[in-house]
Amino acid sequence: MLANTKDVLLHAQKGKYAVGAFNVYNLETAQAAIRVAEREYQPVILALGERYFPTVDVEGFSAMVRALAAKASISVSLHLDHAYKKESIIRAIRSGFTSVMYDGSLFDIEQNIRYTKEIVEIAHMAGVSVEAEIGSLARGAFSDEEEGDGTLTDPESARQFVTETGVDFLAAAIGTVHGMYQGEPNIDLSLLKRIRQAVEVPLVLHGGSGTPDDIIKQAIQAGICKINVNTEVSMAAVSFIQNYLEAYKPVHLSTIMADMQESMEPVMTKFVRLFSNKDANIV
């Protein structure tokens, strides 16, 4: 069933587990995420980034995901990831997305608050929840994300930001990166705990790919309720395609796409199981 992302994350916050937010760009990535979530009986968030708008028909994609969600046995949310333009957010809302992320991390705190507050007012009128970000993530290997400066989230700024904007969940920058780490991860869990003490809304961790399992588990216990995953899934699919090309098997495209979908599912399963708390009452 299609679910409002805020409701899903509030339940996760109460149950001390995290929901996987998988970046999707086509039918196969969406089907893989939902199939894995159903097998594991966990909710899932399908995230489409604004950067994919030039190659993905947003309205058609939303209709496809909502049709898949209507048949699913678990909660499925449709989320707009890293949007910088108000027109992209309005387009996603009109298309039926259940949450949007406005990324104002390029601006100073006062501008970020002002722009985010406007987005929150627009989205809430349509019953859509909003994610925003304080600080930013650096870009690691194999990522197609925009380059951030790696500024960590200041807890007091986070408190001010949440209070003044009314945002529904907050992405906390604690040292993770978009993509794969180049060198040893340097993730500040003590900072995460201070952010958790400063704000009550669910917290989001961007950069799930490559983050050590023990760090993820500790981050969930410290208040992370949503974890974004993109690069590791992409790498699994690209590796599969490369192997197909090297073997030069004269097969039909439909076979390649179906097998590619299966190649992504073990990676997604690993993350869903890592994020879940099997003792929690999942919705």
C-alpha atoms as a PDB file:
ATOM      1  CA  MET A   1       0.000   0.000   0.000  1.00  0.00           C
ATOM      2  CA  LEU A   2       1.095   3.568  -0.657  1.00  0.00           C
ATOM      3  CA  ALA A   3       2.020   5.310   2.596  1.00  0.00           C
ATOM      4  CA  ASN A   4       2.948   8.788   3.758  1.00  0.00           C
ATOM      5  CA  THR A   5       6.661   8.747   4.524  1.00  0.00           C
ATOM      6  CA  LYS A   6       6.206  10.677   7.763  1.00  0.00           C
ATOM      7  CA  ASP A   7       3.870   8.017   9.157  1.00  0.00           C
ATOM      8  CA  VAL A   8       6.312   5.255   8.192  1.00  0.00           C
ATOM      9  CA  LEU A   9       9.248   7.034   9.844  1.00  0.00           C
ATOM     10  CA  LEU A  10       7.386   7.899  13.031  1.00  0.00           C
ATOM     11  CA  HIS A  11       6.626   4.189  13.407  1.00  0.00           C
ATOM     12  CA  ALA A  12      10.289   3.384  12.760  1.00  0.00           C
ATOM     13  CA  GLN A  13      11.359   5.954  15.334  1.00  0.00           C
ATOM     14  CA  LYS A  14       9.128   4.351  17.930  1.00  0.00           C
ATOM     15  CA  GLY A  15      10.328   0.840  17.038  1.00  0.00           C
ATOM     16  CA  LYS A  16      14.039   1.798  16.819  1.00  0.00           C
ATOM     17  CA  TYR A  17      14.564   0.491  13.307  1.00  0.00           C
ATOM     18  CA  ALA A  18      15.351   2.236  10.030  1.00  0.00           C
ATOM     19  CA  VAL A  19      13.601   2.144   6.674  1.00  0.00           C
ATOM     20  CA  GLY A  20      15.638   1.696   3.519  1.00  0.00           C
ATOM     21  CA  ALA A  21      15.258   4.477   0.951  1.00  0.00           C
ATOM     22  CA  PHE A  22      16.478   3.015  -2.323  1.00  0.00           C
ATOM     23  CA  ASN A  23      17.172   5.270  -5.272  1.00  0.00           C
ATOM     24  CA  VAL A  24      15.185   3.992  -8.236  1.00  0.00           C
ATOM     25  CA  TYR A  25      15.137   5.089 -11.874  1.00  0.00           C
ATOM     26  CA  ASN A  26      13.135   2.473 -13.786  1.00  0.00           C
ATOM     27  CA  LEU A  27      10.726  -0.447 -13.461  1.00  0.00           C
ATOM     28  CA  GLU A  28      13.414  -2.974 -12.535  1.00  0.00           C
ATOM     29  CA  THR A  29      14.884  -0.970  -9.642  1.00  0.00           C
ATOM     30  CA  ALA A  30      11.409  -0.250  -8.264  1.00  0.00           C
ATOM     31  CA  GLN A  31      10.287  -3.868  -8.571  1.00  0.00           C
ATOM     32  CA  ALA A  32      13.484  -5.124  -6.942  1.00  0.00           C
ATOM     33  CA  ALA A  33      13.051  -2.859  -3.906  1.00  0.00           C
ATOM     34  CA  ILE A  34       9.393  -3.776  -3.396  1.00  0.00           C
ATOM     35  CA  ARG A  35      10.016  -7.495  -3.919  1.00  0.00           C
ATOM     36  CA  VAL A  36      12.792  -7.491  -1.298  1.00  0.00           C
ATOM     37  CA  ALA A  37      10.698  -5.466   1.165  1.00  0.00           C
ATOM     38  CA  GLU A  38       7.792  -7.883   0.793  1.00  0.00           C
ATOM     39  CA  ARG A  39      10.018 -10.914   1.354  1.00  0.00           C
ATOM     40  CA  GLU A  40      11.452  -9.331   4.492  1.00  0.00           C
ATOM     41  CA  TYR A  41       8.104  -7.836   5.546  1.00  0.00           C
ATOM     42  CA  GLN A  42       9.595  -4.379   5.984  1.00  0.00           C
ATOM     43  CA  PRO A  43       8.381  -0.993   4.710  1.00  0.00           C
ATOM     44  CA  VAL A  44      10.370   0.596   1.886  1.00  0.00           C
ATOM     45  CA  ILE A  45      10.898   4.056   0.436  1.00  0.00           C
ATOM     46  CA  LEU A  46      11.423   4.450  -3.302  1.00  0.00           C
ATOM     47  CA  ALA A  47      13.401   7.617  -3.970  1.00  0.00           C
ATOM     48  CA  LEU A  48      13.697   9.407  -7.297  1.00  0.00           C
ATOM     49  CA  GLY A  49      16.293  12.171  -7.392  1.00  0.00           C
ATOM     50  CA  GLU A  50      15.668  15.479  -9.108  1.00  0.00           C
ATOM     51  CA  ARG A  51      18.842  14.841 -11.137  1.00  0.00           C
ATOM     52  CA  TYR A  52      17.006  12.027 -12.981  1.00  0.00           C
ATOM     53  CA  PHE A  53      14.150  14.259 -14.166  1.00  0.00           C
ATOM     54  CA  PRO A  54      15.743  14.798 -17.619  1.00  0.00           C
ATOM     55  CA  THR A  55      15.659  11.050 -18.331  1.00  0.00           C
ATOM     56  CA  VAL A  56      12.627   9.880 -16.302  1.00  0.00           C
ATOM     57  CA  ASP A  57       9.049  10.943 -17.007  1.00  0.00           C
ATOM     58  CA  VAL A  58       8.050  11.964 -13.484  1.00  0.00           C
ATOM     59  CA  GLU A  59       4.304  11.642 -13.906  1.00  0.00           C
ATOM     60  CA  GLY A  60       4.574   8.264 -15.612  1.00  0.00           C
ATOM     61  CA  PHE A  61       7.079   7.018 -13.056  1.00  0.00           C
ATOM     62  CA  SER A  62       4.853   8.083 -10.171  1.00  0.00           C
ATOM     63  CA  ALA A  63       1.850   6.326 -11.705  1.00  0.00           C
ATOM     64  CA  MET A  64       3.915   3.154 -12.126  1.00  0.00           C
ATOM     65  CA  VAL A  65       5.186   3.182  -8.526  1.00  0.00           C
ATOM     66  CA  ARG A  66       1.740   3.933  -7.109  1.00  0.00           C
ATOM     67  CA  ALA A  67       0.323   0.996  -9.076  1.00  0.00           C
ATOM     68  CA  LEU A  68       3.042  -1.287  -7.695  1.00  0.00           C
ATOM     69  CA  ALA A  69       2.442   0.063  -4.181  1.00  0.00           C
ATOM     70  CA  ALA A  70      -1.294  -0.578  -4.412  1.00  0.00           C
ATOM     71  CA  LYS A  71      -0.580  -4.285  -4.875  1.00  0.00           C
ATOM     72  CA  ALA A  72       2.175  -4.511  -2.248  1.00  0.00           C
ATOM     73  CA  SER A  73       1.645  -6.226   1.082  1.00  0.00           C
ATOM     74  CA  ILE A  74       3.862  -3.704   2.890  1.00  0.00           C
ATOM     75  CA  SER A  75       4.019   0.098   3.103  1.00  0.00           C
ATOM     76  CA  VAL A  76       5.641   1.759   0.099  1.00  0.00           C
ATOM     77  CA  SER A  77       6.502   5.461   0.063  1.00  0.00           C
ATOM     78  CA  LEU A  78       7.437   7.516  -2.991  1.00  0.00           C
ATOM     79  CA  HIS A  79      10.028  10.151  -2.156  1.00  0.00           C
ATOM     80  CA  LEU A  80      11.620  12.986  -4.112  1.00  0.00           C
ATOM     81  CA  ASP A  81      15.332  12.957  -3.275  1.00  0.00           C
ATOM     82  CA  HIS A  82      17.665  15.996  -3.277  1.00  0.00           C
ATOM     83  CA  ALA A  83      15.527  18.594  -5.015  1.00  0.00           C
ATOM     84  CA  TYR A  84      16.911  22.097  -5.387  1.00  0.00           C
ATOM     85  CA  LYS A  85      14.128  23.678  -7.453  1.00  0.00           C
ATOM     86  CA  LYS A  86      10.675  24.592  -6.176  1.00  0.00           C
ATOM     87  CA  GLU A  87       9.146  23.673  -9.534  1.00  0.00           C
ATOM     88  CA  SER A  88      10.526  20.121  -9.236  1.00  0.00           C
ATOM     89  CA  ILE A  89       8.963  19.759  -5.804  1.00  0.00           C
ATOM     90  CA  ILE A  90       5.587  21.055  -6.979  1.00  0.00           C
ATOM     91  CA  ARG A  91       5.744  18.665  -9.934  1.00  0.00           C
ATOM     92  CA  ALA A  92       6.427  15.720  -7.615  1.00  0.00           C
ATOM     93  CA  ILE A  93       3.606  16.717  -5.267  1.00  0.00           C
ATOM     94  CA  ARG A  94       1.153  17.000  -8.141  1.00  0.00           C
ATOM     95  CA  SER A  95       2.306  13.604  -9.422  1.00  0.00           C
ATOM     96  CA  GLY A  96       1.457  11.851  -6.152  1.00  0.00           C
ATOM     97  CA  PHE A  97       4.777  11.613  -4.293  1.00  0.00           C
ATOM     98  CA  THR A  98       4.237  11.062  -0.559  1.00  0.00           C
ATOM     99  CA  SER A  99       7.307  13.042   0.543  1.00  0.00           C
ATOM    100  CA  VAL A 100       9.842  15.468  -0.894  1.00  0.00           C
ATOM    101  CA  MET A 101      13.331  16.528   0.077  1.00  0.00           C
ATOM    102  CA  TYR A 102      14.288  20.141  -0.359  1.00  0.00           C
ATOM    103  CA  ASP A 103      18.068  20.461  -0.306  1.00  0.00           C
ATOM    104  CA  GLY A 104      18.987  23.988   0.755  1.00  0.00           C
ATOM    105  CA  SER A 105      22.396  22.973   2.067  1.00  0.00           C
ATOM    106  CA  LEU A 106      24.111  25.280  -0.442  1.00  0.00           C
ATOM    107  CA  PHE A 107      22.713  28.297   1.414  1.00  0.00           C
ATOM    108  CA  ASP A 108      23.492  29.768   4.795  1.00  0.00           C
ATOM    109  CA  ILE A 109      21.261  28.731   7.703  1.00  0.00           C
ATOM    110  CA  GLU A 110      18.918  31.723   7.471  1.00  0.00           C
ATOM    111  CA  GLN A 111      18.338  31.296   3.730  1.00  0.00           C
ATOM    112  CA  ASN A 112      17.948  27.542   4.149  1.00  0.00           C
ATOM    113  CA  ILE A 113      15.303  28.113   6.819  1.00  0.00           C
ATOM    114  CA  ARG A 114      13.423  30.638   4.694  1.00  0.00           C
ATOM    115  CA  TYR A 115      13.356  28.492   1.550  1.00  0.00           C
ATOM    116  CA  THR A 116      12.599  25.267   3.410  1.00  0.00           C
ATOM    117  CA  LYS A 117       9.731  26.868   5.328  1.00  0.00           C
ATOM    118  CA  GLU A 118       8.123  27.857   2.035  1.00  0.00           C
ATOM    119  CA  ILE A 119       8.421  24.283   0.734  1.00  0.00           C
ATOM    120  CA  VAL A 120       6.966  22.889   3.960  1.00  0.00           C
ATOM    121  CA  GLU A 121       3.933  25.176   3.681  1.00  0.00           C
ATOM    122  CA  ILE A 122       3.317  24.109   0.067  1.00  0.00           C
ATOM    123  CA  ALA A 123       3.807  20.382   0.729  1.00  0.00           C
ATOM    124  CA  HIS A 124       1.745  20.264   3.921  1.00  0.00           C
ATOM    125  CA  MET A 125      -1.250  21.782   2.150  1.00  0.00           C
ATOM    126  CA  ALA A 126      -1.182  18.688  -0.077  1.00  0.00           C
ATOM    127  CA  GLY A 127      -0.602  16.265   2.808  1.00  0.00           C
ATOM    128  CA  VAL A 128       2.971  15.585   1.685  1.00  0.00           C
ATOM    129  CA  SER A 129       5.808  15.331   4.218  1.00  0.00           C
ATOM    130  CA  VAL A 130       9.144  17.110   3.860  1.00  0.00           C
ATOM    131  CA  GLU A 131      12.775  16.193   4.455  1.00  0.00           C
ATOM    132  CA  ALA A 132      15.527  18.799   4.583  1.00  0.00           C
ATOM    133  CA  GLU A 133      19.240  18.879   5.286  1.00  0.00           C
ATOM    134  CA  ILE A 134      21.634  20.799   7.517  1.00  0.00           C
ATOM    135  CA  GLY A 135      25.260  20.363   6.525  1.00  0.00           C
ATOM    136  CA  SER A 136      26.275  18.372   3.454  1.00  0.00           C
ATOM    137  CA  LEU A 137      27.966  15.166   2.320  1.00  0.00           C
ATOM    138  CA  ALA A 138      31.188  14.935   0.369  1.00  0.00           C
ATOM    139  CA  ARG A 139      31.126  12.801  -2.773  1.00  0.00           C
ATOM    140  CA  GLY A 140      32.923   9.465  -2.714  1.00  0.00           C
ATOM    141  CA  ALA A 141      33.695   6.989  -5.484  1.00  0.00           C
ATOM    142  CA  PHE A 142      31.113   5.742  -8.017  1.00  0.00           C
ATOM    143  CA  SER A 143      28.595   8.428  -7.050  1.00  0.00           C
ATOM    144  CA  ASP A 144      26.540  10.593  -9.408  1.00  0.00           C
ATOM    145  CA  GLU A 145      25.511  12.994  -6.643  1.00  0.00           C
ATOM    146  CA  GLU A 146      26.460  16.655  -6.584  1.00  0.00           C
ATOM    147  CA  GLU A 147      29.683  17.487  -4.753  1.00  0.00           C
ATOM    148  CA  GLY A 148      29.145  18.665  -1.160  1.00  0.00           C
ATOM    149  CA  ASP A 149      31.689  20.278   1.116  1.00  0.00           C
ATOM    150  CA  GLY A 150      31.281  17.756   3.935  1.00  0.00           C
ATOM    151  CA  THR A 151      30.123  20.295   6.530  1.00  0.00           C
ATOM    152  CA  LEU A 152      28.764  18.452   9.575  1.00  0.00           C
ATOM    153  CA  THR A 153      25.432  19.284  11.181  1.00  0.00           C
ATOM    154  CA  ASP A 154      25.507  21.632  14.140  1.00  0.00           C
ATOM    155  CA  PRO A 155      22.992  20.479  16.793  1.00  0.00           C
ATOM    156  CA  GLU A 156      21.894  23.969  17.785  1.00  0.00           C
ATOM    157  CA  SER A 157      21.427  24.949  14.147  1.00  0.00           C
ATOM    158  CA  ALA A 158      19.393  21.778  13.698  1.00  0.00           C
ATOM    159  CA  ARG A 159      17.168  22.734  16.647  1.00  0.00           C
ATOM    160  CA  GLN A 160      16.581  26.203  15.211  1.00  0.00           C
ATOM    161  CA  PHE A 161      15.996  24.817  11.727  1.00  0.00           C
ATOM    162  CA  VAL A 162      13.397  22.234  12.757  1.00  0.00           C
ATOM    163  CA  THR A 163      11.583  24.677  15.022  1.00  0.00           C
ATOM    164  CA  GLU A 164      11.334  27.452  12.444  1.00  0.00           C
ATOM    165  CA  THR A 165      10.599  25.370   9.332  1.00  0.00           C
ATOM    166  CA  GLY A 166       8.260  22.673  10.675  1.00  0.00           C
ATOM    167  CA  VAL A 167      10.125  20.088   8.589  1.00  0.00           C
ATOM    168  CA  ASP A 168       9.005  16.458   9.146  1.00  0.00           C
ATOM    169  CA  PHE A 169      12.375  14.693   9.119  1.00  0.00           C
ATOM    170  CA  LEU A 170      15.964  15.894   8.989  1.00  0.00           C
ATOM    171  CA  ALA A 171      19.045  14.620   7.168  1.00  0.00           C
ATOM    172  CA  ALA A 172      21.983  14.776   9.564  1.00  0.00           C
ATOM    173  CA  ALA A 173      25.513  15.120   8.159  1.00  0.00           C
ATOM    174  CA  ILE A 174      27.794  13.153  10.494  1.00  0.00           C
ATOM    175  CA  GLY A 175      30.623  12.137   8.159  1.00  0.00           C
ATOM    176  CA  THR A 176      29.071   9.691   5.701  1.00  0.00           C
ATOM    177  CA  VAL A 177      29.592  10.291   1.977  1.00  0.00           C
ATOM    178  CA  HIS A 178      27.582   9.928  -1.202  1.00  0.00           C
ATOM    179  CA  GLY A 179      29.062   6.910  -2.947  1.00  0.00           C
ATOM    180  CA  MET A 180      31.812   4.628  -1.687  1.00  0.00           C
ATOM    181  CA  TYR A 181      34.372   5.764   0.873  1.00  0.00           C
ATOM    182  CA  GLN A 182      37.880   6.577  -0.284  1.00  0.00           C
ATOM    183  CA  GLY A 183      39.835   5.664   2.820  1.00  0.00           C
ATOM    184  CA  GLU A 184      38.508   4.828   6.267  1.00  0.00           C
ATOM    185  CA  PRO A 185      35.067   6.207   7.168  1.00  0.00           C
ATOM    186  CA  ASN A 186      35.164   8.935   9.796  1.00  0.00           C
ATOM    187  CA  ILE A 187      31.637   9.017  11.203  1.00  0.00           C
ATOM    188  CA  ASP A 188      30.824  11.024  14.330  1.00  0.00           C
ATOM    189  CA  LEU A 189      28.241   9.061  16.301  1.00  0.00           C
ATOM    190  CA  SER A 190      28.622  11.328  19.316  1.00  0.00           C
ATOM    191  CA  LEU A 191      27.510  14.229  17.101  1.00  0.00           C
ATOM    192  CA  LEU A 192      24.502  12.189  16.010  1.00  0.00           C
ATOM    193  CA  LYS A 193      23.513  11.675  19.647  1.00  0.00           C
ATOM    194  CA  ARG A 194      23.708  15.423  20.273  1.00  0.00           C
ATOM    195  CA  ILE A 195      21.558  16.104  17.223  1.00  0.00           C
ATOM    196  CA  ARG A 196      19.055  13.525  18.488  1.00  0.00           C
ATOM    197  CA  GLN A 197      18.877  15.375  21.801  1.00  0.00           C
ATOM    198  CA  ALA A 198      18.347  18.693  20.007  1.00  0.00           C
ATOM    199  CA  VAL A 199      15.429  17.659  17.763  1.00  0.00           C
ATOM    200  CA  GLU A 200      12.449  15.315  18.038  1.00  0.00           C
ATOM    201  CA  VAL A 201      11.738  14.651  14.358  1.00  0.00           C
ATOM    202  CA  PRO A 202      12.977  11.422  12.717  1.00  0.00           C
ATOM    203  CA  LEU A 203      16.564  11.600  11.506  1.00  0.00           C
ATOM    204  CA  VAL A 204      17.856  10.529   8.110  1.00  0.00           C
ATOM    205  CA  LEU A 205      21.270   9.160   7.162  1.00  0.00           C
ATOM    206  CA  HIS A 206      22.408   9.741   3.598  1.00  0.00           C
ATOM    207  CA  GLY A 207      25.261   7.614   2.292  1.00  0.00           C
ATOM    208  CA  GLY A 208      24.353   4.092   3.401  1.00  0.00           C
ATOM    209  CA  SER A 209      26.572   2.485   0.750  1.00  0.00           C
ATOM    210  CA  GLY A 210      29.903   1.334   2.114  1.00  0.00           C
ATOM    211  CA  THR A 211      29.129   2.386   5.689  1.00  0.00           C
ATOM    212  CA  PRO A 212      30.261  -0.371   8.103  1.00  0.00           C
ATOM    213  CA  ASP A 213      27.453  -2.501   9.520  1.00  0.00           C
ATOM    214  CA  ASP A 214      28.336  -1.761  13.140  1.00  0.00           C
ATOM    215  CA  ILE A 215      28.225   1.985  12.466  1.00  0.00           C
ATOM    216  CA  ILE A 216      24.803   1.645  10.858  1.00  0.00           C
ATOM    217  CA  LYS A 217      23.485  -0.348  13.811  1.00  0.00           C
ATOM    218  CA  GLN A 218      24.779   2.240  16.264  1.00  0.00           C
ATOM    219  CA  ALA A 219      23.339   5.058  14.168  1.00  0.00           C
ATOM    220  CA  ILE A 220      19.903   3.425  14.227  1.00  0.00           C
ATOM    221  CA  GLN A 221      20.060   3.056  17.989  1.00  0.00           C
ATOM    222  CA  ALA A 222      21.031   6.726  18.185  1.00  0.00           C
ATOM    223  CA  GLY A 223      17.929   7.816  16.285  1.00  0.00           C
ATOM    224  CA  ILE A 224      18.372   7.273  12.532  1.00  0.00           C
ATOM    225  CA  CYS A 225      15.036   6.157  11.024  1.00  0.00           C
ATOM    226  CA  LYS A 226      15.688   6.411   7.268  1.00  0.00           C
ATOM    227  CA  ILE A 227      18.860   5.381   5.434  1.00  0.00           C
ATOM    228  CA  ASN A 228      19.475   6.219   1.783  1.00  0.00           C
ATOM    229  CA  VAL A 229      21.100   3.604  -0.449  1.00  0.00           C
ATOM    230  CA  ASN A 230      22.085   4.123  -4.069  1.00  0.00           C
ATOM    231  CA  THR A 231      25.658   3.339  -5.094  1.00  0.00           C
ATOM    232  CA  GLU A 232      26.024  -0.274  -3.943  1.00  0.00           C
ATOM    233  CA  VAL A 233      22.853  -1.249  -5.773  1.00  0.00           C
ATOM    234  CA  SER A 234      24.019   0.579  -8.891  1.00  0.00           C
ATOM    235  CA  MET A 235      27.409  -1.136  -8.725  1.00  0.00           C
ATOM    236  CA  ALA A 236      25.786  -4.576  -8.532  1.00  0.00           C
ATOM    237  CA  ALA A 237      23.656  -3.882 -11.615  1.00  0.00           C
ATOM    238  CA  VAL A 238      26.512  -2.358 -13.616  1.00  0.00           C
ATOM    239  CA  SER A 239      28.807  -5.262 -12.728  1.00  0.00           C
ATOM    240  CA  PHE A 240      26.145  -7.696 -13.906  1.00  0.00           C
ATOM    241  CA  ILE A 241      25.775  -5.869 -17.233  1.00  0.00           C
ATOM    242  CA  GLN A 242      29.543  -5.748 -17.713  1.00  0.00           C
ATOM    243  CA  ASN A 243      29.777  -9.484 -17.186  1.00  0.00           C
ATOM    244  CA  TYR A 244      26.957 -10.009 -19.670  1.00  0.00           C
ATOM    245  CA  LEU A 245      28.767  -7.952 -22.295  1.00  0.00           C
ATOM    246  CA  GLU A 246      32.066  -9.703 -21.692  1.00  0.00           C
ATOM    247  CA  ALA A 247      30.403 -13.089 -22.118  1.00  0.00           C
ATOM    248  CA  TYR A 248      28.676 -11.776 -25.249  1.00  0.00           C
ATOM    249  CA  LYS A 249      25.599 -13.892 -24.849  1.00  0.00           C
ATOM    250  CA  PRO A 250      23.125 -13.298 -27.702  1.00  0.00           C
ATOM    251  CA  VAL A 251      20.025 -13.011 -25.500  1.00  0.00           C
ATOM    252  CA  HIS A 252      16.910 -10.873 -25.596  1.00  0.00           C
ATOM    253  CA  LEU A 253      16.848  -7.515 -23.813  1.00  0.00           C
ATOM    254  CA  SER A 254      13.932  -8.673 -21.644  1.00  0.00           C
ATOM    255  CA  THR A 255      16.105 -11.471 -20.269  1.00  0.00           C
ATOM    256  CA  ILE A 256      18.952  -9.095 -19.485  1.00  0.00           C
ATOM    257  CA  MET A 257      16.633  -6.688 -17.648  1.00  0.00           C
ATOM    258  CA  ALA A 258      14.995  -9.463 -15.623  1.00  0.00           C
ATOM    259  CA  ASP A 259      18.378 -10.915 -14.649  1.00  0.00           C
ATOM    260  CA  MET A 260      19.696  -7.437 -13.828  1.00  0.00           C
ATOM    261  CA  GLN A 261      16.782  -6.947 -11.442  1.00  0.00           C
ATOM    262  CA  GLU A 262      17.668 -10.180  -9.669  1.00  0.00           C
ATOM    263  CA  SER A 263      21.298  -9.045  -9.400  1.00  0.00           C
ATOM    264  CA  MET A 264      20.237  -6.016  -7.325  1.00  0.00           C
ATOM    265  CA  GLU A 265      18.017  -7.877  -4.902  1.00  0.00           C
ATOM    266  CA  PRO A 266      20.764  -9.506  -2.736  1.00  0.00           C
ATOM    267  CA  VAL A 267      22.307  -6.078  -2.093  1.00  0.00           C
ATOM    268  CA  MET A 268      18.948  -4.590  -1.160  1.00  0.00           C
ATOM    269  CA  THR A 269      18.173  -7.602   1.033  1.00  0.00           C
ATOM    270  CA  LYS A 270      21.421  -7.102   2.937  1.00  0.00           C
ATOM    271  CA  PHE A 271      20.484  -3.520   3.742  1.00  0.00           C
ATOM    272  CA  VAL A 272      16.844  -4.199   4.607  1.00  0.00           C
ATOM    273  CA  ARG A 273      17.872  -6.906   7.066  1.00  0.00           C
ATOM    274  CA  LEU A 274      20.565  -4.677   8.561  1.00  0.00           C
ATOM    275  CA  PHE A 275      18.137  -1.793   9.050  1.00  0.00           C
ATOM    276  CA  SER A 276      15.299  -3.850  10.514  1.00  0.00           C
ATOM    277  CA  ASN A 277      14.451  -4.650  14.084  1.00  0.00           C
ATOM    278  CA  LYS A 278      12.619  -7.951  13.876  1.00  0.00           C
ATOM    279  CA  ASP A 279      11.120  -7.413  17.324  1.00  0.00           C
ATOM    280  CA  ALA A 280       9.352  -4.262  16.150  1.00  0.00           C
ATOM    281  CA  ASN A 281       5.745  -4.248  14.975  1.00  0.00           C
ATOM    282  CA  ILE A 282       6.218  -3.374  11.319  1.00  0.00           C
ATOM    283  CA  VAL A 283       3.568  -1.537   9.273  1.00  0.00           C
END
